[in-house]
Amino acid sequence: LVLVGPSGSGKSTALRMLAGLEEVDSGSIYIAD
């Protein structure tokens, strides 16, 4: 899956949230349930 968008669209932040390098202020992220 590719996350694409212009600068400032949030794509790198979304990736870093999945990696644990950015906090998740609300909501959740799951890997293998």
PDB file of all heavy atoms in Angstrom:
ATOM      1  N   LEU A   1       0.841  -1.194   0.000  1.00  0.00           N
ATOM      2  CA  LEU A   1       0.000   0.000   0.000  1.00  0.00           C
ATOM      3  C   LEU A   1       0.875   1.242   0.000  1.00  0.00           C
ATOM      4  O   LEU A   1       1.819   1.343   0.779  1.00  0.00           O
ATOM      5  CB  LEU A   1      -0.926   0.037   1.215  1.00  0.00           C
ATOM      6  CG  LEU A   1      -1.836   1.272   1.190  1.00  0.00           C
ATOM      7  CD1 LEU A   1      -3.304   0.874   1.086  1.00  0.00           C
ATOM      8  CD2 LEU A   1      -1.605   2.164   2.392  1.00  0.00           C
ATOM      9  N   VAL A   2       0.545   2.178  -0.882  1.00  0.00           N
ATOM     10  CA  VAL A   2       1.303   3.420  -0.987  1.00  0.00           C
ATOM     11  C   VAL A   2       0.488   4.568  -0.419  1.00  0.00           C
ATOM     12  O   VAL A   2      -0.683   4.749  -0.773  1.00  0.00           O
ATOM     13  CB  VAL A   2       1.678   3.717  -2.449  1.00  0.00           C
ATOM     14  CG1 VAL A   2       2.467   5.028  -2.537  1.00  0.00           C
ATOM     15  CG2 VAL A   2       2.493   2.582  -3.042  1.00  0.00           C
ATOM     16  N   LEU A   3       1.107   5.339   0.486  1.00  0.00           N
ATOM     17  CA  LEU A   3       0.522   6.583   0.985  1.00  0.00           C
ATOM     18  C   LEU A   3       1.112   7.722   0.166  1.00  0.00           C
ATOM     19  O   LEU A   3       2.340   7.895   0.131  1.00  0.00           O
ATOM     20  CB  LEU A   3       0.859   6.791   2.463  1.00  0.00           C
ATOM     21  CG  LEU A   3       0.281   5.790   3.472  1.00  0.00           C
ATOM     22  CD1 LEU A   3       0.871   6.050   4.855  1.00  0.00           C
ATOM     23  CD2 LEU A   3      -1.230   5.879   3.524  1.00  0.00           C
ATOM     24  N   VAL A   4       0.254   8.491  -0.495  1.00  0.00           N
ATOM     25  CA  VAL A   4       0.740   9.546  -1.373  1.00  0.00           C
ATOM     26  C   VAL A   4      -0.022  10.833  -1.102  1.00  0.00           C
ATOM     27  O   VAL A   4      -1.180  10.812  -0.663  1.00  0.00           O
ATOM     28  CB  VAL A   4       0.615   9.123  -2.858  1.00  0.00           C
ATOM     29  CG1 VAL A   4      -0.842   9.045  -3.292  1.00  0.00           C
ATOM     30  CG2 VAL A   4       1.381  10.059  -3.779  1.00  0.00           C
ATOM     31  N   GLY A   5       0.638  11.942  -1.341  1.00  0.00           N
ATOM     32  CA  GLY A   5       0.009  13.239  -1.159  1.00  0.00           C
ATOM     33  C   GLY A   5       1.060  14.320  -1.226  1.00  0.00           C
ATOM     34  O   GLY A   5       2.264  14.041  -1.206  1.00  0.00           O
ATOM     35  N   PRO A   6       0.648  15.587  -1.304  1.00  0.00           N
ATOM     36  CA  PRO A   6       1.617  16.685  -1.348  1.00  0.00           C
ATOM     37  C   PRO A   6       2.301  16.866  -0.001  1.00  0.00           C
ATOM     38  O   PRO A   6       1.931  16.242   0.996  1.00  0.00           O
ATOM     39  CB  PRO A   6       0.740  17.897  -1.703  1.00  0.00           C
ATOM     40  CG  PRO A   6      -0.615  17.543  -1.183  1.00  0.00           C
ATOM     41  CD  PRO A   6      -0.747  16.058  -1.348  1.00  0.00           C
ATOM     42  N   SER A   7       3.290  17.751   0.043  1.00  0.00           N
ATOM     43  CA  SER A   7       3.961  18.057   1.313  1.00  0.00           C
ATOM     44  C   SER A   7       2.943  18.567   2.321  1.00  0.00           C
ATOM     45  O   SER A   7       2.086  19.392   1.989  1.00  0.00           O
ATOM     46  CB  SER A   7       5.043  19.125   1.093  1.00  0.00           C
ATOM     47  OG  SER A   7       6.052  18.632   0.251  1.00  0.00           O
ATOM     48  N   GLY A   8       3.024  18.055   3.553  1.00  0.00           N
ATOM     49  CA  GLY A   8       2.101  18.476   4.593  1.00  0.00           C
ATOM     50  C   GLY A   8       0.783  17.735   4.598  1.00  0.00           C
ATOM     51  O   GLY A   8      -0.119  18.074   5.362  1.00  0.00           O
ATOM     52  N   SER A   9       0.672  16.686   3.787  1.00  0.00           N
ATOM     53  CA  SER A   9      -0.595  15.959   3.708  1.00  0.00           C
ATOM     54  C   SER A   9      -0.787  14.984   4.864  1.00  0.00           C
ATOM     55  O   SER A   9      -1.899  14.514   5.105  1.00  0.00           O
ATOM     56  CB  SER A   9      -0.682  15.194   2.380  1.00  0.00           C
ATOM     57  OG  SER A   9       0.352  14.228   2.286  1.00  0.00           O
ATOM     58  N   GLY A  10       0.300  14.642   5.575  1.00  0.00           N
ATOM     59  CA  GLY A  10       0.197  13.731   6.710  1.00  0.00           C
ATOM     60  C   GLY A  10       0.671  12.324   6.429  1.00  0.00           C
ATOM     61  O   GLY A  10       0.629  11.459   7.309  1.00  0.00           O
ATOM     62  N   LYS A  11       1.180  12.075   5.232  1.00  0.00           N
ATOM     63  CA  LYS A  11       1.551  10.699   4.869  1.00  0.00           C
ATOM     64  C   LYS A  11       2.726  10.175   5.699  1.00  0.00           C
ATOM     65  O   LYS A  11       2.680   9.046   6.188  1.00  0.00           O
ATOM     66  CB  LYS A  11       1.856  10.616   3.368  1.00  0.00           C
ATOM     67  CG  LYS A  11       2.927  11.561   2.877  1.00  0.00           C
ATOM     68  CD  LYS A  11       3.019  11.573   1.363  1.00  0.00           C
ATOM     69  CE  LYS A  11       4.172  12.458   0.892  1.00  0.00           C
ATOM     70  NZ  LYS A  11       4.000  13.879   1.281  1.00  0.00           N
ATOM     71  N   SER A  12       3.774  10.988   5.872  1.00  0.00           N
ATOM     72  CA  SER A  12       4.921  10.530   6.675  1.00  0.00           C
ATOM     73  C   SER A  12       4.548  10.414   8.150  1.00  0.00           C
ATOM     74  O   SER A  12       5.013   9.507   8.843  1.00  0.00           O
ATOM     75  CB  SER A  12       6.111  11.483   6.505  1.00  0.00           C
ATOM     76  OG  SER A  12       6.670  11.356   5.217  1.00  0.00           O
ATOM     77  N   THR A  13       3.695  11.322   8.626  1.00  0.00           N
ATOM     78  CA  THR A  13       3.243  11.237  10.015  1.00  0.00           C
ATOM     79  C   THR A  13       2.470   9.941  10.242  1.00  0.00           C
ATOM     80  O   THR A  13       2.652   9.262  11.257  1.00  0.00           O
ATOM     81  CB  THR A  13       2.353  12.446  10.364  1.00  0.00           C
ATOM     82  OG1 THR A  13       3.113  13.645  10.189  1.00  0.00           O
ATOM     83  CG2 THR A  13       1.865  12.370  11.805  1.00  0.00           C
ATOM     84  N   ALA A  14       1.599   9.577   9.279  1.00  0.00           N
ATOM     85  CA  ALA A  14       0.837   8.327   9.393  1.00  0.00           C
ATOM     86  C   ALA A  14       1.770   7.124   9.462  1.00  0.00           C
ATOM     87  O   ALA A  14       1.546   6.186  10.241  1.00  0.00           O
ATOM     88  CB  ALA A  14      -0.128   8.193   8.214  1.00  0.00           C
ATOM     89  N   LEU A  15       2.838   7.145   8.661  1.00  0.00           N
ATOM     90  CA  LEU A  15       3.809   6.047   8.672  1.00  0.00           C
ATOM     91  C   LEU A  15       4.547   5.992  10.004  1.00  0.00           C
ATOM     92  O   LEU A  15       4.742   4.922  10.581  1.00  0.00           O
ATOM     93  CB  LEU A  15       4.798   6.213   7.522  1.00  0.00           C
ATOM     94  CG  LEU A  15       5.713   5.010   7.273  1.00  0.00           C
ATOM     95  CD1 LEU A  15       4.965   3.938   6.503  1.00  0.00           C
ATOM     96  CD2 LEU A  15       6.971   5.419   6.513  1.00  0.00           C
ATOM     97  N   ARG A  16       4.937   7.151  10.505  1.00  0.00           N
ATOM     98  CA  ARG A  16       5.680   7.213  11.766  1.00  0.00           C
ATOM     99  C   ARG A  16       4.795   6.820  12.948  1.00  0.00           C
ATOM    100  O   ARG A  16       5.279   6.260  13.931  1.00  0.00           O
ATOM    101  CB  ARG A  16       6.263   8.610  11.954  1.00  0.00           C
ATOM    102  CG  ARG A  16       7.394   8.927  10.966  1.00  0.00           C
ATOM    103  CD  ARG A  16       7.836  10.375  11.045  1.00  0.00           C
ATOM    104  NE  ARG A  16       8.389  10.695  12.344  1.00  0.00           N
ATOM    105  CZ  ARG A  16       9.640  10.447  12.721  1.00  0.00           C
ATOM    106  NH1 ARG A  16      10.477   9.859  11.881  1.00  0.00           N
ATOM    107  NH2 ARG A  16      10.072  10.775  13.913  1.00  0.00           N
ATOM    108  N   MET A  17       3.495   7.082  12.863  1.00  0.00           N
ATOM    109  CA  MET A  17       2.564   6.605  13.891  1.00  0.00           C
ATOM    110  C   MET A  17       2.542   5.079  13.912  1.00  0.00           C
ATOM    111  O   MET A  17       2.531   4.452  14.980  1.00  0.00           O
ATOM    112  CB  MET A  17       1.164   7.149  13.622  1.00  0.00           C
ATOM    113  CG  MET A  17       1.020   8.653  13.848  1.00  0.00           C
ATOM    114  SD  MET A  17      -0.458   9.334  13.066  1.00  0.00           S
ATOM    115  CE  MET A  17      -1.751   8.656  14.124  1.00  0.00           C
ATOM    116  N   LEU A  18       2.548   4.478  12.738  1.00  0.00           N
ATOM    117  CA  LEU A  18       2.561   3.016  12.646  1.00  0.00           C
ATOM    118  C   LEU A  18       3.867   2.443  13.187  1.00  0.00           C
ATOM    119  O   LEU A  18       3.882   1.386  13.823  1.00  0.00           O
ATOM    120  CB  LEU A  18       2.344   2.594  11.185  1.00  0.00           C
ATOM    121  CG  LEU A  18       2.391   1.106  10.862  1.00  0.00           C
ATOM    122  CD1 LEU A  18       1.384   0.309  11.689  1.00  0.00           C
ATOM    123  CD2 LEU A  18       2.135   0.894   9.361  1.00  0.00           C
ATOM    124  N   ALA A  19       4.957   3.173  12.958  1.00  0.00           N
ATOM    125  CA  ALA A  19       6.270   2.718  13.441  1.00  0.00           C
ATOM    126  C   ALA A  19       6.449   2.935  14.942  1.00  0.00           C
ATOM    127  O   ALA A  19       7.365   2.370  15.540  1.00  0.00           O
ATOM    128  CB  ALA A  19       7.374   3.452  12.685  1.00  0.00           C
ATOM    129  N   GLY A  20       5.596   3.790  15.548  1.00  0.00           N
ATOM    130  CA  GLY A  20       5.755   4.104  16.963  1.00  0.00           C
ATOM    131  C   GLY A  20       6.656   5.292  17.203  1.00  0.00           C
ATOM    132  O   GLY A  20       7.034   5.575  18.345  1.00  0.00           O
ATOM    133  N   LEU A  21       7.008   6.008  16.128  1.00  0.00           N
ATOM    134  CA  LEU A  21       7.888   7.171  16.249  1.00  0.00           C
ATOM    135  C   LEU A  21       7.106   8.455  16.486  1.00  0.00           C
ATOM    136  O   LEU A  21       7.706   9.497  16.773  1.00  0.00           O
ATOM    137  CB  LEU A  21       8.748   7.307  14.986  1.00  0.00           C
ATOM    138  CG  LEU A  21       9.611   6.091  14.645  1.00  0.00           C
ATOM    139  CD1 LEU A  21      10.352   6.318  13.334  1.00  0.00           C
ATOM    140  CD2 LEU A  21      10.589   5.793  15.776  1.00  0.00           C
ATOM    141  N   GLU A  22       5.789   8.402  16.317  1.00  0.00           N
ATOM    142  CA  GLU A  22       4.914   9.525  16.643  1.00  0.00           C
ATOM    143  C   GLU A  22       3.791   9.011  17.543  1.00  0.00           C
ATOM    144  O   GLU A  22       3.308   7.887  17.357  1.00  0.00           O
ATOM    145  CB  GLU A  22       4.291  10.146  15.385  1.00  0.00           C
ATOM    146  CG  GLU A  22       5.261  10.860  14.487  1.00  0.00           C
ATOM    147  CD  GLU A  22       5.739  12.194  15.057  1.00  0.00           C
ATOM    148  OE1 GLU A  22       5.204  12.612  16.107  1.00  0.00           O
ATOM    149  OE2 GLU A  22       6.645  12.785  14.461  1.00  0.00           O
ATOM    150  N   GLU A  23       3.374   9.840  18.492  1.00  0.00           N
ATOM    151  CA  GLU A  23       2.280   9.461  19.374  1.00  0.00           C
ATOM    152  C   GLU A  23       0.958   9.439  18.612  1.00  0.00           C
ATOM    153  O   GLU A  23       0.785  10.143  17.623  1.00  0.00           O
ATOM    154  CB  GLU A  23       2.168  10.452  20.535  1.00  0.00           C
ATOM    155  CG  GLU A  23       3.323  10.399  21.519  1.00  0.00           C
ATOM    156  CD  GLU A  23       3.115  11.384  22.671  1.00  0.00           C
ATOM    157  OE1 GLU A  23       1.957  11.791  22.886  1.00  0.00           O
ATOM    158  OE2 GLU A  23       4.111  11.728  23.311  1.00  0.00           O
ATOM    159  N   VAL A  24       0.029   8.626  19.094  1.00  0.00           N
ATOM    160  CA  VAL A  24      -1.344   8.610  18.585  1.00  0.00           C
ATOM    161  C   VAL A  24      -2.201   9.310  19.633  1.00  0.00           C
ATOM    162  O   VAL A  24      -2.371   8.815  20.748  1.00  0.00           O
ATOM    163  CB  VAL A  24      -1.830   7.167  18.345  1.00  0.00           C
ATOM    164  CG1 VAL A  24      -3.270   7.164  17.843  1.00  0.00           C
ATOM    165  CG2 VAL A  24      -0.916   6.457  17.342  1.00  0.00           C
ATOM    166  N   ASP A  25      -2.715  10.492  19.292  1.00  0.00           N
ATOM    167  CA  ASP A  25      -3.459  11.292  20.271  1.00  0.00           C
ATOM    168  C   ASP A  25      -4.851  10.730  20.529  1.00  0.00           C
ATOM    169  O   ASP A  25      -5.394  10.868  21.625  1.00  0.00           O
ATOM    170  CB  ASP A  25      -3.553  12.742  19.801  1.00  0.00           C
ATOM    171  CG  ASP A  25      -2.190  13.418  19.793  1.00  0.00           C
ATOM    172  OD1 ASP A  25      -1.584  13.539  20.870  1.00  0.00           O
ATOM    173  OD2 ASP A  25      -1.713  13.787  18.705  1.00  0.00           O
ATOM    174  N   SER A  26      -5.449  10.128  19.522  1.00  0.00           N
ATOM    175  CA  SER A  26      -6.728   9.427  19.704  1.00  0.00           C
ATOM    176  C   SER A  26      -6.844   8.371  18.619  1.00  0.00           C
ATOM    177  O   SER A  26      -6.163   8.428  17.601  1.00  0.00           O
ATOM    178  CB  SER A  26      -7.910  10.400  19.642  1.00  0.00           C
ATOM    179  OG  SER A  26      -8.001  11.009  18.369  1.00  0.00           O
ATOM    180  N   GLY A  27      -7.728   7.400  18.851  1.00  0.00           N
ATOM    181  CA  GLY A  27      -7.830   6.279  17.924  1.00  0.00           C
ATOM    182  C   GLY A  27      -6.788   5.212  18.243  1.00  0.00           C
ATOM    183  O   GLY A  27      -6.081   5.286  19.261  1.00  0.00           O
ATOM    184  N   SER A  28      -6.683   4.228  17.355  1.00  0.00           N
ATOM    185  CA  SER A  28      -5.797   3.083  17.609  1.00  0.00           C
ATOM    186  C   SER A  28      -5.138   2.616  16.319  1.00  0.00           C
ATOM    187  O   SER A  28      -5.599   2.914  15.213  1.00  0.00           O
ATOM    188  CB  SER A  28      -6.594   1.913  18.209  1.00  0.00           C
ATOM    189  OG  SER A  28      -7.288   2.305  19.363  1.00  0.00           O
ATOM    190  N   ILE A  29      -4.049   1.858  16.483  1.00  0.00           N
ATOM    191  CA  ILE A  29      -3.360   1.219  15.354  1.00  0.00           C
ATOM    192  C   ILE A  29      -3.138  -0.249  15.710  1.00  0.00           C
ATOM    193  O   ILE A  29      -2.711  -0.572  16.822  1.00  0.00           O
ATOM    194  CB  ILE A  29      -2.027   1.916  15.046  1.00  0.00           C
ATOM    195  CG1 ILE A  29      -2.279   3.349  14.540  1.00  0.00           C
ATOM    196  CG2 ILE A  29      -1.238   1.128  14.004  1.00  0.00           C
ATOM    197  CD1 ILE A  29      -1.018   4.131  14.250  1.00  0.00           C
ATOM    198  N   TYR A  30      -3.438  -1.125  14.768  1.00  0.00           N
ATOM    199  CA  TYR A  30      -3.318  -2.563  14.982  1.00  0.00           C
ATOM    200  C   TYR A  30      -2.378  -3.174  13.952  1.00  0.00           C
ATOM    201  O   TYR A  30      -2.410  -2.816  12.763  1.00  0.00           O
ATOM    202  CB  TYR A  30      -4.691  -3.243  14.857  1.00  0.00           C
ATOM    203  CG  TYR A  30      -5.696  -2.820  15.901  1.00  0.00           C
ATOM    204  CD1 TYR A  30      -6.444  -1.653  15.738  1.00  0.00           C
ATOM    205  CD2 TYR A  30      -5.915  -3.582  17.049  1.00  0.00           C
ATOM    206  CE1 TYR A  30      -7.361  -1.247  16.686  1.00  0.00           C
ATOM    207  CE2 TYR A  30      -6.835  -3.190  18.008  1.00  0.00           C
ATOM    208  CZ  TYR A  30      -7.557  -2.028  17.819  1.00  0.00           C
ATOM    209  OH  TYR A  30      -8.474  -1.625  18.766  1.00  0.00           O
ATOM    210  N   ILE A  31      -1.543  -4.098  14.409  1.00  0.00           N
ATOM    211  CA  ILE A  31      -0.731  -4.938  13.528  1.00  0.00           C
ATOM    212  C   ILE A  31      -1.081  -6.381  13.853  1.00  0.00           C
ATOM    213  O   ILE A  31      -0.946  -6.813  14.997  1.00  0.00           O
ATOM    214  CB  ILE A  31       0.776  -4.695  13.727  1.00  0.00           C
ATOM    215  CG1 ILE A  31       1.145  -3.254  13.356  1.00  0.00           C
ATOM    216  CG2 ILE A  31       1.595  -5.678  12.886  1.00  0.00           C
ATOM    217  CD1 ILE A  31       2.607  -2.900  13.608  1.00  0.00           C
ATOM    218  N   ALA A  32      -1.579  -7.104  12.870  1.00  0.00           N
ATOM    219  CA  ALA A  32      -2.001  -8.497  13.065  1.00  0.00           C
ATOM    220  C   ALA A  32      -3.005  -8.614  14.211  1.00  0.00           C
ATOM    221  O   ALA A  32      -2.881  -9.485  15.075  1.00  0.00           O
ATOM    222  CB  ALA A  32      -0.800  -9.391  13.305  1.00  0.00           C
ATOM    223  N   ASP A  33      -3.978  -7.698  14.222  1.00  0.00           N
ATOM    224  CA  ASP A  33      -5.048  -7.682  15.229  1.00  0.00           C
ATOM    225  C   ASP A  33      -4.545  -7.402  16.642  1.00  0.00           C
ATOM    226  O   ASP A  33      -5.296  -7.533  17.612  1.00  0.00           O
ATOM    227  CB  ASP A  33      -5.832  -9.002  15.213  1.00  0.00           C
ATOM    228  CG  ASP A  33      -6.572  -9.201  13.908  1.00  0.00           C
ATOM    229  OD1 ASP A  33      -7.029  -8.193  13.339  1.00  0.00           O
ATOM    230  OD2 ASP A  33      -6.685 -10.351  13.464  1.00  0.00           O
TER     231      ASP A  33
END
